[in-house]
Amino acid sequence: MLEVYGFSRVNEIARGNTRDLRVLWALEEMALPYEIVGIDHPNHELDTPEFRAKNPFGQLPVIVDDGAVVTESGAILLYLARKTGKLMPRDLAGEAQVLRWSLAALNTIEVPVLTSWFVDMYEGKGTKPSDALKAWAKMRLEQLDGWLANRRFVATDEFTVADILMTHVISAGTDQSLVKPHPNVLSYQQRCMDRPMWKKTIEAYRERVEAA
């Protein structure tokens, strides 16, 4: 059975925002059986030689599927979509749109919004780096908002792995005051997070994952 290495215990500030949620959500949407291998982050289980042999960066999520080890949440979701034929179109043009928007979520959107959050946390709001990053993030979210006008989902007419990645990026570890001025992004975010499989995923996560 497919193994998902995900958090069993994590620092309180990260609980509910970790990237293993992207994989768990996708697996629920795909109705693919899996088992969770719980990792205690504060107890440094990501630093063991056994885990570093799977991911030298010491990060979650990781999956092991019939001996194949896949890391990086985007790569895992694209792998699962190809494996199951779900949450991705079968035609080349449709697949290209999912690839396009998956990478956009992880690069064009996540880099400024997540970096802004880190800078605010460690350097404080109102600093020059904070203001510059917020301006960058606002620009990208405004552009995303324009794209989502009259669109239900980000890549195709149907929900795909790109929507899981984009929704999690604009929700987890993101200053929601950056998102609120953008009505199309907000309605898109809510539409995706209203899905029953997301609710099932986050409820199970909160029951299982302890805060340190």
C-alpha atoms as a PDB file:
ATOM      1  CA  MET A   1       0.000   0.000   0.000  1.00  0.00           C
ATOM      2  CA  LEU A   2       1.128   3.536  -0.709  1.00  0.00           C
ATOM      3  CA  GLU A   3       2.849   5.100   2.301  1.00  0.00           C
ATOM      4  CA  VAL A   4       2.570   8.805   3.095  1.00  0.00           C
ATOM      5  CA  TYR A   5       5.185  10.254   5.407  1.00  0.00           C
ATOM      6  CA  GLY A   6       3.378  13.063   7.198  1.00  0.00           C
ATOM      7  CA  PHE A   7       3.441  14.846  10.514  1.00  0.00           C
ATOM      8  CA  SER A   8       2.271  13.206  13.721  1.00  0.00           C
ATOM      9  CA  ARG A   9       3.543  16.079  15.870  1.00  0.00           C
ATOM     10  CA  VAL A  10       4.525  19.565  14.754  1.00  0.00           C
ATOM     11  CA  ASN A  11       5.126  23.014  16.188  1.00  0.00           C
ATOM     12  CA  GLU A  12       1.863  24.701  17.071  1.00  0.00           C
ATOM     13  CA  ILE A  13       2.321  27.569  14.606  1.00  0.00           C
ATOM     14  CA  ALA A  14       2.599  25.090  11.704  1.00  0.00           C
ATOM     15  CA  ARG A  15      -0.220  22.735  12.724  1.00  0.00           C
ATOM     16  CA  GLY A  16      -2.936  22.783  10.076  1.00  0.00           C
ATOM     17  CA  ASN A  17      -0.692  24.465   7.499  1.00  0.00           C
ATOM     18  CA  THR A  18       1.801  21.736   6.617  1.00  0.00           C
ATOM     19  CA  ARG A  19       2.291  20.549   3.054  1.00  0.00           C
ATOM     20  CA  ASP A  20       1.483  16.915   3.748  1.00  0.00           C
ATOM     21  CA  LEU A  21      -2.131  18.139   3.742  1.00  0.00           C
ATOM     22  CA  ARG A  22      -1.853  18.678  -0.031  1.00  0.00           C
ATOM     23  CA  VAL A  23      -1.045  15.012  -0.555  1.00  0.00           C
ATOM     24  CA  LEU A  24      -3.652  13.742   1.894  1.00  0.00           C
ATOM     25  CA  TRP A  25      -6.327  15.897   0.249  1.00  0.00           C
ATOM     26  CA  ALA A  26      -5.424  14.603  -3.195  1.00  0.00           C
ATOM     27  CA  LEU A  27      -5.509  10.996  -2.028  1.00  0.00           C
ATOM     28  CA  GLU A  28      -8.979  11.474  -0.566  1.00  0.00           C
ATOM     29  CA  GLU A  29     -10.217  13.091  -3.781  1.00  0.00           C
ATOM     30  CA  MET A  30      -8.740  10.184  -5.761  1.00  0.00           C
ATOM     31  CA  ALA A  31     -10.125   7.538  -3.348  1.00  0.00           C
ATOM     32  CA  LEU A  32      -6.679   5.931  -3.351  1.00  0.00           C
ATOM     33  CA  PRO A  33      -5.819   3.676  -0.360  1.00  0.00           C
ATOM     34  CA  TYR A  34      -2.829   4.762   1.716  1.00  0.00           C
ATOM     35  CA  GLU A  35      -1.280   4.525   5.133  1.00  0.00           C
ATOM     36  CA  ILE A  36       0.353   7.319   7.079  1.00  0.00           C
ATOM     37  CA  VAL A  37       3.830   7.043   8.553  1.00  0.00           C
ATOM     38  CA  GLY A  38       3.773   9.641  11.312  1.00  0.00           C
ATOM     39  CA  ILE A  39       6.835  11.838  11.849  1.00  0.00           C
ATOM     40  CA  ASP A  40       7.516  13.795  15.044  1.00  0.00           C
ATOM     41  CA  HIS A  41       9.102  17.018  13.825  1.00  0.00           C
ATOM     42  CA  PRO A  42       9.998  18.578  17.217  1.00  0.00           C
ATOM     43  CA  ASN A  43      11.657  15.285  18.176  1.00  0.00           C
ATOM     44  CA  HIS A  44      13.951  15.646  15.119  1.00  0.00           C
ATOM     45  CA  GLU A  45      12.701  12.539  13.328  1.00  0.00           C
ATOM     46  CA  LEU A  46      13.236  14.360  10.022  1.00  0.00           C
ATOM     47  CA  ASP A  47      16.955  14.428  10.801  1.00  0.00           C
ATOM     48  CA  THR A  48      17.513  10.687  11.102  1.00  0.00           C
ATOM     49  CA  PRO A  49      19.744   8.968   8.540  1.00  0.00           C
ATOM     50  CA  GLU A  50      16.830   6.694   7.592  1.00  0.00           C
ATOM     51  CA  PHE A  51      14.602   9.633   6.700  1.00  0.00           C
ATOM     52  CA  ARG A  52      17.379  11.641   5.004  1.00  0.00           C
ATOM     53  CA  ALA A  53      17.954   8.660   2.726  1.00  0.00           C
ATOM     54  CA  LYS A  54      14.440   9.306   1.416  1.00  0.00           C
ATOM     55  CA  ASN A  55      14.663  13.098   1.345  1.00  0.00           C
ATOM     56  CA  PRO A  56      18.086  14.713   1.821  1.00  0.00           C
ATOM     57  CA  PHE A  57      16.401  18.056   2.553  1.00  0.00           C
ATOM     58  CA  GLY A  58      14.653  16.626   5.611  1.00  0.00           C
ATOM     59  CA  GLN A  59      11.215  17.804   4.548  1.00  0.00           C
ATOM     60  CA  LEU A  60       7.706  16.391   4.353  1.00  0.00           C
ATOM     61  CA  PRO A  61       5.719  15.152   2.527  1.00  0.00           C
ATOM     62  CA  VAL A  62       7.273  12.014   1.110  1.00  0.00           C
ATOM     63  CA  ILE A  63       5.491   9.060  -0.452  1.00  0.00           C
ATOM     64  CA  VAL A  64       6.747   5.549  -1.073  1.00  0.00           C
ATOM     65  CA  ASP A  65       4.724   3.748  -3.731  1.00  0.00           C
ATOM     66  CA  ASP A  66       5.806   0.226  -4.618  1.00  0.00           C
ATOM     67  CA  GLY A  67       9.417   1.179  -3.961  1.00  0.00           C
ATOM     68  CA  ALA A  68       9.258   4.539  -5.760  1.00  0.00           C
ATOM     69  CA  VAL A  69      10.154   7.431  -3.454  1.00  0.00           C
ATOM     70  CA  VAL A  70       8.679  10.794  -4.421  1.00  0.00           C
ATOM     71  CA  THR A  71       9.237  14.065  -2.558  1.00  0.00           C
ATOM     72  CA  GLU A  72       8.036  17.653  -3.043  1.00  0.00           C
ATOM     73  CA  SER A  73       4.288  18.186  -2.760  1.00  0.00           C
ATOM     74  CA  GLY A  74       3.858  19.354  -6.353  1.00  0.00           C
ATOM     75  CA  ALA A  75       5.777  16.413  -7.774  1.00  0.00           C
ATOM     76  CA  ILE A  76       3.787  14.005  -5.595  1.00  0.00           C
ATOM     77  CA  LEU A  77       0.419  15.375  -6.721  1.00  0.00           C
ATOM     78  CA  LEU A  78       1.398  15.254 -10.385  1.00  0.00           C
ATOM     79  CA  TYR A  79       2.702  11.707  -9.920  1.00  0.00           C
ATOM     80  CA  LEU A  80      -0.556  10.613  -8.279  1.00  0.00           C
ATOM     81  CA  ALA A  81      -2.622  12.254 -11.011  1.00  0.00           C
ATOM     82  CA  ARG A  82      -0.658  10.397 -13.679  1.00  0.00           C
ATOM     83  CA  LYS A  83      -0.872   7.147 -11.705  1.00  0.00           C
ATOM     84  CA  THR A  84      -4.643   7.254 -11.173  1.00  0.00           C
ATOM     85  CA  GLY A  85      -5.827   9.239 -14.184  1.00  0.00           C
ATOM     86  CA  LYS A  86      -7.732  11.472 -11.771  1.00  0.00           C
ATOM     87  CA  LEU A  87      -7.617  15.231 -11.143  1.00  0.00           C
ATOM     88  CA  MET A  88      -5.855  15.783 -14.463  1.00  0.00           C
ATOM     89  CA  PRO A  89      -7.167  15.729 -18.045  1.00  0.00           C
ATOM     90  CA  ARG A  90      -6.079  12.863 -20.279  1.00  0.00           C
ATOM     91  CA  ASP A  91      -5.356  15.077 -23.298  1.00  0.00           C
ATOM     92  CA  LEU A  92      -1.968  16.727 -23.703  1.00  0.00           C
ATOM     93  CA  ALA A  93      -3.346  20.274 -23.875  1.00  0.00           C
ATOM     94  CA  GLY A  94      -5.378  19.821 -20.695  1.00  0.00           C
ATOM     95  CA  GLU A  95      -2.451  18.222 -18.900  1.00  0.00           C
ATOM     96  CA  ALA A  96      -0.268  21.162 -19.924  1.00  0.00           C
ATOM     97  CA  GLN A  97      -2.682  23.579 -18.235  1.00  0.00           C
ATOM     98  CA  VAL A  98      -2.546  21.579 -15.008  1.00  0.00           C
ATOM     99  CA  LEU A  99       1.257  21.527 -15.144  1.00  0.00           C
ATOM    100  CA  ARG A 100       1.290  25.251 -15.905  1.00  0.00           C
ATOM    101  CA  TRP A 101      -0.903  26.213 -12.958  1.00  0.00           C
ATOM    102  CA  SER A 102       0.668  23.757 -10.542  1.00  0.00           C
ATOM    103  CA  LEU A 103       4.043  25.379 -11.174  1.00  0.00           C
ATOM    104  CA  ALA A 104       2.505  28.849 -11.011  1.00  0.00           C
ATOM    105  CA  ALA A 105       1.059  28.048  -7.588  1.00  0.00           C
ATOM    106  CA  LEU A 106       4.409  26.815  -6.259  1.00  0.00           C
ATOM    107  CA  ASN A 107       6.557  29.532  -7.828  1.00  0.00           C
ATOM    108  CA  THR A 108       4.747  32.657  -8.960  1.00  0.00           C
ATOM    109  CA  ILE A 109       2.307  32.777  -6.025  1.00  0.00           C
ATOM    110  CA  GLU A 110       3.886  30.848  -3.148  1.00  0.00           C
ATOM    111  CA  VAL A 111       7.304  32.492  -3.262  1.00  0.00           C
ATOM    112  CA  PRO A 112       6.151  36.066  -2.498  1.00  0.00           C
ATOM    113  CA  VAL A 113       3.288  35.210  -0.126  1.00  0.00           C
ATOM    114  CA  LEU A 114       5.255  32.698   1.952  1.00  0.00           C
ATOM    115  CA  THR A 115       8.408  34.818   2.029  1.00  0.00           C
ATOM    116  CA  SER A 116       6.328  37.785   3.155  1.00  0.00           C
ATOM    117  CA  TRP A 117       4.951  35.716   6.023  1.00  0.00           C
ATOM    118  CA  PHE A 118       8.447  34.623   7.113  1.00  0.00           C
ATOM    119  CA  VAL A 119       9.859  38.146   6.957  1.00  0.00           C
ATOM    120  CA  ASP A 120       6.955  39.529   8.993  1.00  0.00           C
ATOM    121  CA  MET A 121       7.462  36.804  11.593  1.00  0.00           C
ATOM    122  CA  TYR A 122      11.219  37.261  11.975  1.00  0.00           C
ATOM    123  CA  GLU A 123      11.874  40.873  10.968  1.00  0.00           C
ATOM    124  CA  GLY A 124       8.522  42.488  11.741  1.00  0.00           C
ATOM    125  CA  LYS A 125       5.910  44.262   9.693  1.00  0.00           C
ATOM    126  CA  GLY A 126       6.592  47.709   8.314  1.00  0.00           C
ATOM    127  CA  THR A 127      10.219  47.040   7.436  1.00  0.00           C
ATOM    128  CA  LYS A 128      11.460  47.715   3.915  1.00  0.00           C
ATOM    129  CA  PRO A 129      11.762  43.987   3.078  1.00  0.00           C
ATOM    130  CA  SER A 130       8.256  43.375   4.429  1.00  0.00           C
ATOM    131  CA  ASP A 131       6.741  46.225   2.429  1.00  0.00           C
ATOM    132  CA  ALA A 132       8.539  45.146  -0.754  1.00  0.00           C
ATOM    133  CA  LEU A 133       7.390  41.538  -0.407  1.00  0.00           C
ATOM    134  CA  LYS A 134       3.816  42.590   0.312  1.00  0.00           C
ATOM    135  CA  ALA A 135       3.779  44.733  -2.815  1.00  0.00           C
ATOM    136  CA  TRP A 136       5.060  41.750  -4.822  1.00  0.00           C
ATOM    137  CA  ALA A 137       2.489  39.406  -3.280  1.00  0.00           C
ATOM    138  CA  LYS A 138      -0.362  41.874  -3.852  1.00  0.00           C
ATOM    139  CA  MET A 139       0.608  42.250  -7.497  1.00  0.00           C
ATOM    140  CA  ARG A 140       0.578  38.483  -8.037  1.00  0.00           C
ATOM    141  CA  LEU A 141      -2.725  38.019  -6.197  1.00  0.00           C
ATOM    142  CA  GLU A 142      -4.294  40.826  -8.221  1.00  0.00           C
ATOM    143  CA  GLN A 143      -3.162  39.088 -11.411  1.00  0.00           C
ATOM    144  CA  LEU A 144      -4.541  35.787 -10.148  1.00  0.00           C
ATOM    145  CA  ASP A 145      -7.801  37.499  -9.266  1.00  0.00           C
ATOM    146  CA  GLY A 146      -8.154  38.699 -12.850  1.00  0.00           C
ATOM    147  CA  TRP A 147      -7.500  35.217 -14.167  1.00  0.00           C
ATOM    148  CA  LEU A 148     -10.173  33.725 -11.896  1.00  0.00           C
ATOM    149  CA  ALA A 149     -12.887  36.115 -13.049  1.00  0.00           C
ATOM    150  CA  ASN A 150     -15.600  33.937 -14.619  1.00  0.00           C
ATOM    151  CA  ARG A 151     -13.559  30.780 -13.921  1.00  0.00           C
ATOM    152  CA  ARG A 152     -14.628  28.100 -11.475  1.00  0.00           C
ATOM    153  CA  PHE A 153     -11.208  26.443 -11.233  1.00  0.00           C
ATOM    154  CA  VAL A 154      -7.723  27.655 -12.048  1.00  0.00           C
ATOM    155  CA  ALA A 155      -6.493  25.299 -14.796  1.00  0.00           C
ATOM    156  CA  THR A 156      -9.518  23.675 -16.451  1.00  0.00           C
ATOM    157  CA  ASP A 157     -13.298  23.572 -16.077  1.00  0.00           C
ATOM    158  CA  GLU A 158     -12.905  20.698 -13.608  1.00  0.00           C
ATOM    159  CA  PHE A 159     -11.179  20.487 -10.219  1.00  0.00           C
ATOM    160  CA  THR A 160      -7.566  19.273 -10.600  1.00  0.00           C
ATOM    161  CA  VAL A 161      -4.399  18.871  -8.571  1.00  0.00           C
ATOM    162  CA  ALA A 162      -3.525  22.435  -9.589  1.00  0.00           C
ATOM    163  CA  ASP A 163      -6.489  23.605  -7.498  1.00  0.00           C
ATOM    164  CA  ILE A 164      -5.265  21.678  -4.466  1.00  0.00           C
ATOM    165  CA  LEU A 165      -1.863  23.319  -4.757  1.00  0.00           C
ATOM    166  CA  MET A 166      -3.196  26.810  -5.436  1.00  0.00           C
ATOM    167  CA  THR A 167      -5.783  26.662  -2.658  1.00  0.00           C
ATOM    168  CA  HIS A 168      -3.279  25.468  -0.094  1.00  0.00           C
ATOM    169  CA  VAL A 169      -0.735  28.071  -1.154  1.00  0.00           C
ATOM    170  CA  ILE A 170      -3.185  30.964  -0.673  1.00  0.00           C
ATOM    171  CA  SER A 171      -4.516  29.526   2.576  1.00  0.00           C
ATOM    172  CA  ALA A 172      -1.668  28.002   4.611  1.00  0.00           C
ATOM    173  CA  GLY A 173       0.958  30.303   6.047  1.00  0.00           C
ATOM    174  CA  THR A 174      -0.408  33.202   4.011  1.00  0.00           C
ATOM    175  CA  ASP A 175      -1.399  36.526   5.533  1.00  0.00           C
ATOM    176  CA  GLN A 176      -5.110  36.500   4.740  1.00  0.00           C
ATOM    177  CA  SER A 177      -5.197  40.304   4.712  1.00  0.00           C
ATOM    178  CA  LEU A 178      -3.361  39.960   1.381  1.00  0.00           C
ATOM    179  CA  VAL A 179      -6.106  37.709   0.006  1.00  0.00           C
ATOM    180  CA  LYS A 180      -9.185  39.589   1.240  1.00  0.00           C
ATOM    181  CA  PRO A 181      -9.058  42.479  -1.276  1.00  0.00           C
ATOM    182  CA  HIS A 182      -9.392  39.997  -4.152  1.00  0.00           C
ATOM    183  CA  PRO A 183     -13.008  38.750  -4.428  1.00  0.00           C
ATOM    184  CA  ASN A 184     -12.390  36.210  -7.178  1.00  0.00           C
ATOM    185  CA  VAL A 185      -9.504  34.652  -5.253  1.00  0.00           C
ATOM    186  CA  LEU A 186     -11.608  34.600  -2.088  1.00  0.00           C
ATOM    187  CA  SER A 187     -14.588  32.911  -3.718  1.00  0.00           C
ATOM    188  CA  TYR A 188     -12.278  30.416  -5.437  1.00  0.00           C
ATOM    189  CA  GLN A 189     -10.551  29.638  -2.138  1.00  0.00           C
ATOM    190  CA  GLN A 190     -13.895  29.074  -0.411  1.00  0.00           C
ATOM    191  CA  ARG A 191     -15.269  26.977  -3.270  1.00  0.00           C
ATOM    192  CA  CYS A 192     -12.319  24.604  -3.110  1.00  0.00           C
ATOM    193  CA  MET A 193     -12.242  24.408   0.683  1.00  0.00           C
ATOM    194  CA  ASP A 194     -15.962  23.613   0.757  1.00  0.00           C
ATOM    195  CA  ARG A 195     -15.247  20.309  -0.954  1.00  0.00           C
ATOM    196  CA  PRO A 196     -16.150  17.347   1.284  1.00  0.00           C
ATOM    197  CA  MET A 197     -12.761  15.672   0.802  1.00  0.00           C
ATOM    198  CA  TRP A 198     -10.902  18.746   2.064  1.00  0.00           C
ATOM    199  CA  LYS A 199     -13.118  18.867   5.143  1.00  0.00           C
ATOM    200  CA  LYS A 200     -12.533  15.167   5.741  1.00  0.00           C
ATOM    201  CA  THR A 201      -8.787  15.628   5.321  1.00  0.00           C
ATOM    202  CA  ILE A 202      -8.380  18.562   7.681  1.00  0.00           C
ATOM    203  CA  GLU A 203     -10.633  17.033  10.349  1.00  0.00           C
ATOM    204  CA  ALA A 204      -8.651  13.783  10.330  1.00  0.00           C
ATOM    205  CA  TYR A 205      -5.385  15.747  10.413  1.00  0.00           C
ATOM    206  CA  ARG A 206      -6.454  17.759  13.461  1.00  0.00           C
ATOM    207  CA  GLU A 207      -7.465  14.618  15.285  1.00  0.00           C
ATOM    208  CA  ARG A 208      -4.183  12.864  14.485  1.00  0.00           C
ATOM    209  CA  VAL A 209      -1.506  15.558  14.537  1.00  0.00           C
ATOM    210  CA  GLU A 210      -0.400  16.863  17.912  1.00  0.00           C
ATOM    211  CA  ALA A 211       0.844  20.389  18.548  1.00  0.00           C
ATOM    212  CA  ALA A 212       4.191  20.774  20.291  1.00  0.00           C
END
